[in-house]
Amino acid sequence: MWTIKYKPNNDSQAWLILESYDNKSQALLHAACASGGYFKVNVVDPDYNIIWRNEN
């Protein structure tokens, strides 16, 4: 699963799961769309590597 994780407002908050996908491209597309609304957004691959990151 490709997982989108986010921090809503600041670094002191825990990472929360926004959504999980079976498909990398869907996860990246949703993460890019959602990134404007959160402090930080990451996409994590099935091996737990961060493959995309946006930090506002």
PDB file of N, CA and C in Angstrom:
ATOM      1  N   MET A   1       0.835  -1.188   0.000  1.00  0.00           N
ATOM      2  CA  MET A   1       0.000   0.000   0.000  1.00  0.00           C
ATOM      3  C   MET A   1       0.877   1.248   0.000  1.00  0.00           C
ATOM      4  N   TRP A   2       0.442   2.235  -0.703  1.00  0.00           N
ATOM      5  CA  TRP A   2       1.065   3.549  -0.733  1.00  0.00           C
ATOM      6  C   TRP A   2       0.249   4.422   0.203  1.00  0.00           C
ATOM      7  N   THR A   3       0.890   4.978   1.213  1.00  0.00           N
ATOM      8  CA  THR A   3       0.172   5.689   2.265  1.00  0.00           C
ATOM      9  C   THR A   3       0.513   7.171   2.249  1.00  0.00           C
ATOM     10  N   ILE A   4      -0.516   8.001   2.356  1.00  0.00           N
ATOM     11  CA  ILE A   4      -0.323   9.444   2.480  1.00  0.00           C
ATOM     12  C   ILE A   4      -0.432   9.778   3.956  1.00  0.00           C
ATOM     13  N   LYS A   5       0.622  10.390   4.488  1.00  0.00           N
ATOM     14  CA  LYS A   5       0.636  10.817   5.885  1.00  0.00           C
ATOM     15  C   LYS A   5       0.779  12.329   5.929  1.00  0.00           C
ATOM     16  N   TYR A   6       0.233  12.950   6.975  1.00  0.00           N
ATOM     17  CA  TYR A   6       0.300  14.406   7.063  1.00  0.00           C
ATOM     18  C   TYR A   6       0.419  14.871   8.507  1.00  0.00           C
ATOM     19  N   LYS A   7       0.925  16.101   8.649  1.00  0.00           N
ATOM     20  CA  LYS A   7       0.916  16.829   9.917  1.00  0.00           C
ATOM     21  C   LYS A   7       0.058  18.065   9.668  1.00  0.00           C
ATOM     22  N   PRO A   8      -1.017  18.235  10.433  1.00  0.00           N
ATOM     23  CA  PRO A   8      -1.959  19.313  10.144  1.00  0.00           C
ATOM     24  C   PRO A   8      -1.391  20.728  10.257  1.00  0.00           C
ATOM     25  N   ASN A   9      -0.703  21.042  11.368  1.00  0.00           N
ATOM     26  CA  ASN A   9      -0.345  22.437  11.608  1.00  0.00           C
ATOM     27  C   ASN A   9       1.113  22.704  11.943  1.00  0.00           C
ATOM     28  N   ASN A  10       1.808  21.753  12.572  1.00  0.00           N
ATOM     29  CA  ASN A  10       3.194  22.009  12.970  1.00  0.00           C
ATOM     30  C   ASN A  10       3.936  20.700  13.226  1.00  0.00           C
ATOM     31  N   ASP A  11       5.255  20.818  13.413  1.00  0.00           N
ATOM     32  CA  ASP A  11       6.109  19.642  13.593  1.00  0.00           C
ATOM     33  C   ASP A  11       5.865  18.894  14.890  1.00  0.00           C
ATOM     34  N   SER A  12       5.322  19.550  15.904  1.00  0.00           N
ATOM     35  CA  SER A  12       5.127  18.875  17.185  1.00  0.00           C
ATOM     36  C   SER A  12       3.965  17.875  17.147  1.00  0.00           C
ATOM     37  N   GLN A  13       3.170  17.923  16.113  1.00  0.00           N
ATOM     38  CA  GLN A  13       2.052  16.993  15.984  1.00  0.00           C
ATOM     39  C   GLN A  13       2.524  15.658  15.418  1.00  0.00           C
ATOM     40  N   ALA A  14       1.817  14.607  15.759  1.00  0.00           N
ATOM     41  CA  ALA A  14       2.124  13.276  15.226  1.00  0.00           C
ATOM     42  C   ALA A  14       1.689  13.188  13.761  1.00  0.00           C
ATOM     43  N   TRP A  15       2.335  12.277  13.018  1.00  0.00           N
ATOM     44  CA  TRP A  15       1.904  12.005  11.650  1.00  0.00           C
ATOM     45  C   TRP A  15       0.559  11.286  11.696  1.00  0.00           C
ATOM     46  N   LEU A  16      -0.355  11.698  10.842  1.00  0.00           N
ATOM     47  CA  LEU A  16      -1.668  11.074  10.719  1.00  0.00           C
ATOM     48  C   LEU A  16      -1.800  10.493   9.313  1.00  0.00           C
ATOM     49  N   ILE A  17      -2.580   9.440   9.171  1.00  0.00           N
ATOM     50  CA  ILE A  17      -2.798   8.842   7.854  1.00  0.00           C
ATOM     51  C   ILE A  17      -4.005   9.508   7.204  1.00  0.00           C
ATOM     52  N   LEU A  18      -3.782  10.033   6.010  1.00  0.00           N
ATOM     53  CA  LEU A  18      -4.868  10.649   5.249  1.00  0.00           C
ATOM     54  C   LEU A  18      -5.605   9.596   4.423  1.00  0.00           C
ATOM     55  N   GLU A  19      -4.844   8.744   3.723  1.00  0.00           N
ATOM     56  CA  GLU A  19      -5.446   7.741   2.841  1.00  0.00           C
ATOM     57  C   GLU A  19      -4.372   6.740   2.434  1.00  0.00           C
ATOM     58  N   SER A  20      -4.791   5.558   2.007  1.00  0.00           N
ATOM     59  CA  SER A  20      -3.881   4.540   1.479  1.00  0.00           C
ATOM     60  C   SER A  20      -4.394   4.085   0.122  1.00  0.00           C
ATOM     61  N   TYR A  21      -3.459   3.770  -0.773  1.00  0.00           N
ATOM     62  CA  TYR A  21      -3.797   3.369  -2.140  1.00  0.00           C
ATOM     63  C   TYR A  21      -3.004   2.137  -2.538  1.00  0.00           C
ATOM     64  N   ASP A  22      -3.561   1.361  -3.462  1.00  0.00           N
ATOM     65  CA  ASP A  22      -2.856   0.213  -4.036  1.00  0.00           C
ATOM     66  C   ASP A  22      -1.922   0.651  -5.152  1.00  0.00           C
ATOM     67  N   ASN A  23      -2.047   1.876  -5.587  1.00  0.00           N
ATOM     68  CA  ASN A  23      -1.403   2.358  -6.789  1.00  0.00           C
ATOM     69  C   ASN A  23      -0.584   3.624  -6.480  1.00  0.00           C
ATOM     70  N   LYS A  24       0.665   3.637  -6.897  1.00  0.00           N
ATOM     71  CA  LYS A  24       1.572   4.758  -6.624  1.00  0.00           C
ATOM     72  C   LYS A  24       1.063   6.059  -7.240  1.00  0.00           C
ATOM     73  N   SER A  25       0.623   6.010  -8.489  1.00  0.00           N
ATOM     74  CA  SER A  25       0.214   7.246  -9.165  1.00  0.00           C
ATOM     75  C   SER A  25      -1.010   7.879  -8.502  1.00  0.00           C
ATOM     76  N   GLN A  26      -1.950   7.071  -8.030  1.00  0.00           N
ATOM     77  CA  GLN A  26      -3.108   7.624  -7.322  1.00  0.00           C
ATOM     78  C   GLN A  26      -2.685   8.289  -6.017  1.00  0.00           C
ATOM     79  N   ALA A  27      -1.758   7.659  -5.309  1.00  0.00           N
ATOM     80  CA  ALA A  27      -1.279   8.233  -4.047  1.00  0.00           C
ATOM     81  C   ALA A  27      -0.579   9.565  -4.290  1.00  0.00           C
ATOM     82  N   LEU A  28       0.263   9.622  -5.308  1.00  0.00           N
ATOM     83  CA  LEU A  28       0.980  10.865  -5.607  1.00  0.00           C
ATOM     84  C   LEU A  28       0.025  11.973  -6.029  1.00  0.00           C
ATOM     85  N   LEU A  29      -0.952  11.641  -6.838  1.00  0.00           N
ATOM     86  CA  LEU A  29      -1.926  12.637  -7.289  1.00  0.00           C
ATOM     87  C   LEU A  29      -2.728  13.190  -6.112  1.00  0.00           C
ATOM     88  N   HIS A  30      -3.221  12.317  -5.250  1.00  0.00           N
ATOM     89  CA  HIS A  30      -4.002  12.770  -4.100  1.00  0.00           C
ATOM     90  C   HIS A  30      -3.136  13.577  -3.136  1.00  0.00           C
ATOM     91  N   ALA A  31      -1.892  13.157  -2.931  1.00  0.00           N
ATOM     92  CA  ALA A  31      -0.989  13.882  -2.032  1.00  0.00           C
ATOM     93  C   ALA A  31      -0.714  15.286  -2.557  1.00  0.00           C
ATOM     94  N   ALA A  32      -0.486  15.401  -3.856  1.00  0.00           N
ATOM     95  CA  ALA A  32      -0.225  16.716  -4.442  1.00  0.00           C
ATOM     96  C   ALA A  32      -1.437  17.631  -4.281  1.00  0.00           C
ATOM     97  N   CYS A  33      -2.624  17.085  -4.471  1.00  0.00           N
ATOM     98  CA  CYS A  33      -3.850  17.879  -4.309  1.00  0.00           C
ATOM     99  C   CYS A  33      -4.070  18.282  -2.854  1.00  0.00           C
ATOM    100  N   ALA A  34      -3.755  17.394  -1.927  1.00  0.00           N
ATOM    101  CA  ALA A  34      -4.006  17.644  -0.502  1.00  0.00           C
ATOM    102  C   ALA A  34      -2.924  18.485   0.155  1.00  0.00           C
ATOM    103  N   SER A  35      -1.766  18.597  -0.473  1.00  0.00           N
ATOM    104  CA  SER A  35      -0.610  19.213   0.188  1.00  0.00           C
ATOM    105  C   SER A  35      -0.815  20.676   0.552  1.00  0.00           C
ATOM    106  N   GLY A  36      -1.658  21.379  -0.158  1.00  0.00           N
ATOM    107  CA  GLY A  36      -1.904  22.776   0.162  1.00  0.00           C
ATOM    108  C   GLY A  36      -2.665  22.991   1.461  1.00  0.00           C
ATOM    109  N   GLY A  37      -3.329  21.960   1.933  1.00  0.00           N
ATOM    110  CA  GLY A  37      -4.152  22.101   3.119  1.00  0.00           C
ATOM    111  C   GLY A  37      -3.512  21.658   4.419  1.00  0.00           C
ATOM    112  N   TYR A  38      -2.264  21.168   4.349  1.00  0.00           N
ATOM    113  CA  TYR A  38      -1.602  20.640   5.542  1.00  0.00           C
ATOM    114  C   TYR A  38      -0.184  21.176   5.663  1.00  0.00           C
ATOM    115  N   PHE A  39       0.346  21.157   6.881  1.00  0.00           N
ATOM    116  CA  PHE A  39       1.696  21.639   7.157  1.00  0.00           C
ATOM    117  C   PHE A  39       2.746  20.796   6.429  1.00  0.00           C
ATOM    118  N   LYS A  40       2.648  19.477   6.537  1.00  0.00           N
ATOM    119  CA  LYS A  40       3.557  18.559   5.843  1.00  0.00           C
ATOM    120  C   LYS A  40       2.759  17.378   5.315  1.00  0.00           C
ATOM    121  N   VAL A  41       3.170  16.881   4.146  1.00  0.00           N
ATOM    122  CA  VAL A  41       2.547  15.701   3.550  1.00  0.00           C
ATOM    123  C   VAL A  41       3.654  14.806   3.012  1.00  0.00           C
ATOM    124  N   ASN A  42       3.560  13.500   3.282  1.00  0.00           N
ATOM    125  CA  ASN A  42       4.496  12.506   2.766  1.00  0.00           C
ATOM    126  C   ASN A  42       3.715  11.389   2.093  1.00  0.00           C
ATOM    127  N   VAL A  43       4.328  10.785   1.075  1.00  0.00           N
ATOM    128  CA  VAL A  43       3.822   9.532   0.525  1.00  0.00           C
ATOM    129  C   VAL A  43       4.852   8.467   0.861  1.00  0.00           C
ATOM    130  N   VAL A  44       4.388   7.392   1.488  1.00  0.00           N
ATOM    131  CA  VAL A  44       5.260   6.310   1.939  1.00  0.00           C
ATOM    132  C   VAL A  44       4.950   5.066   1.110  1.00  0.00           C
ATOM    133  N   ASP A  45       6.011   4.426   0.586  1.00  0.00           N
ATOM    134  CA  ASP A  45       5.817   3.233  -0.240  1.00  0.00           C
ATOM    135  C   ASP A  45       5.620   1.984   0.620  1.00  0.00           C
ATOM    136  N   PRO A  46       5.347   0.834   0.004  1.00  0.00           N
ATOM    137  CA  PRO A  46       5.109  -0.390   0.780  1.00  0.00           C
ATOM    138  C   PRO A  46       6.297  -0.831   1.646  1.00  0.00           C
ATOM    139  N   ASP A  47       7.506  -0.353   1.326  1.00  0.00           N
ATOM    140  CA  ASP A  47       8.696  -0.677   2.123  1.00  0.00           C
ATOM    141  C   ASP A  47       8.997   0.401   3.160  1.00  0.00           C
ATOM    142  N   TYR A  48       8.070   1.326   3.365  1.00  0.00           N
ATOM    143  CA  TYR A  48       8.166   2.401   4.369  1.00  0.00           C
ATOM    144  C   TYR A  48       9.201   3.471   4.024  1.00  0.00           C
ATOM    145  N   ASN A  49       9.505   3.636   2.733  1.00  0.00           N
ATOM    146  CA  ASN A  49      10.379   4.718   2.278  1.00  0.00           C
ATOM    147  C   ASN A  49       9.515   5.906   1.877  1.00  0.00           C
ATOM    148  N   ILE A  50       9.963   7.104   2.227  1.00  0.00           N
ATOM    149  CA  ILE A  50       9.256   8.311   1.789  1.00  0.00           C
ATOM    150  C   ILE A  50       9.629   8.543   0.332  1.00  0.00           C
ATOM    151  N   ILE A  51       8.634   8.542  -0.550  1.00  0.00           N
ATOM    152  CA  ILE A  51       8.913   8.718  -1.977  1.00  0.00           C
ATOM    153  C   ILE A  51       8.501  10.100  -2.477  1.00  0.00           C
ATOM    154  N   TRP A  52       7.744  10.829  -1.674  1.00  0.00           N
ATOM    155  CA  TRP A  52       7.340  12.190  -2.035  1.00  0.00           C
ATOM    156  C   TRP A  52       7.108  12.962  -0.754  1.00  0.00           C
ATOM    157  N   ARG A  53       7.499  14.230  -0.776  1.00  0.00           N
ATOM    158  CA  ARG A  53       7.383  15.056   0.432  1.00  0.00           C
ATOM    159  C   ARG A  53       7.058  16.483   0.030  1.00  0.00           C
ATOM    160  N   ASN A  54       6.161  17.094   0.782  1.00  0.00           N
ATOM    161  CA  ASN A  54       5.876  18.515   0.614  1.00  0.00           C
ATOM    162  C   ASN A  54       5.835  19.134   1.996  1.00  0.00           C
ATOM    163  N   GLU A  55       6.664  20.134   2.202  1.00  0.00           N
ATOM    164  CA  GLU A  55       6.708  20.824   3.489  1.00  0.00           C
ATOM    165  C   GLU A  55       6.388  22.287   3.256  1.00  0.00           C
ATOM    166  N   ASN A  56       5.282  22.749   3.806  1.00  0.00           N
ATOM    167  CA  ASN A  56       4.875  24.156   3.649  1.00  0.00           C
ATOM    168  C   ASN A  56       5.524  25.023   4.692  1.00  0.00           C
TER     169      ASN A  56
END
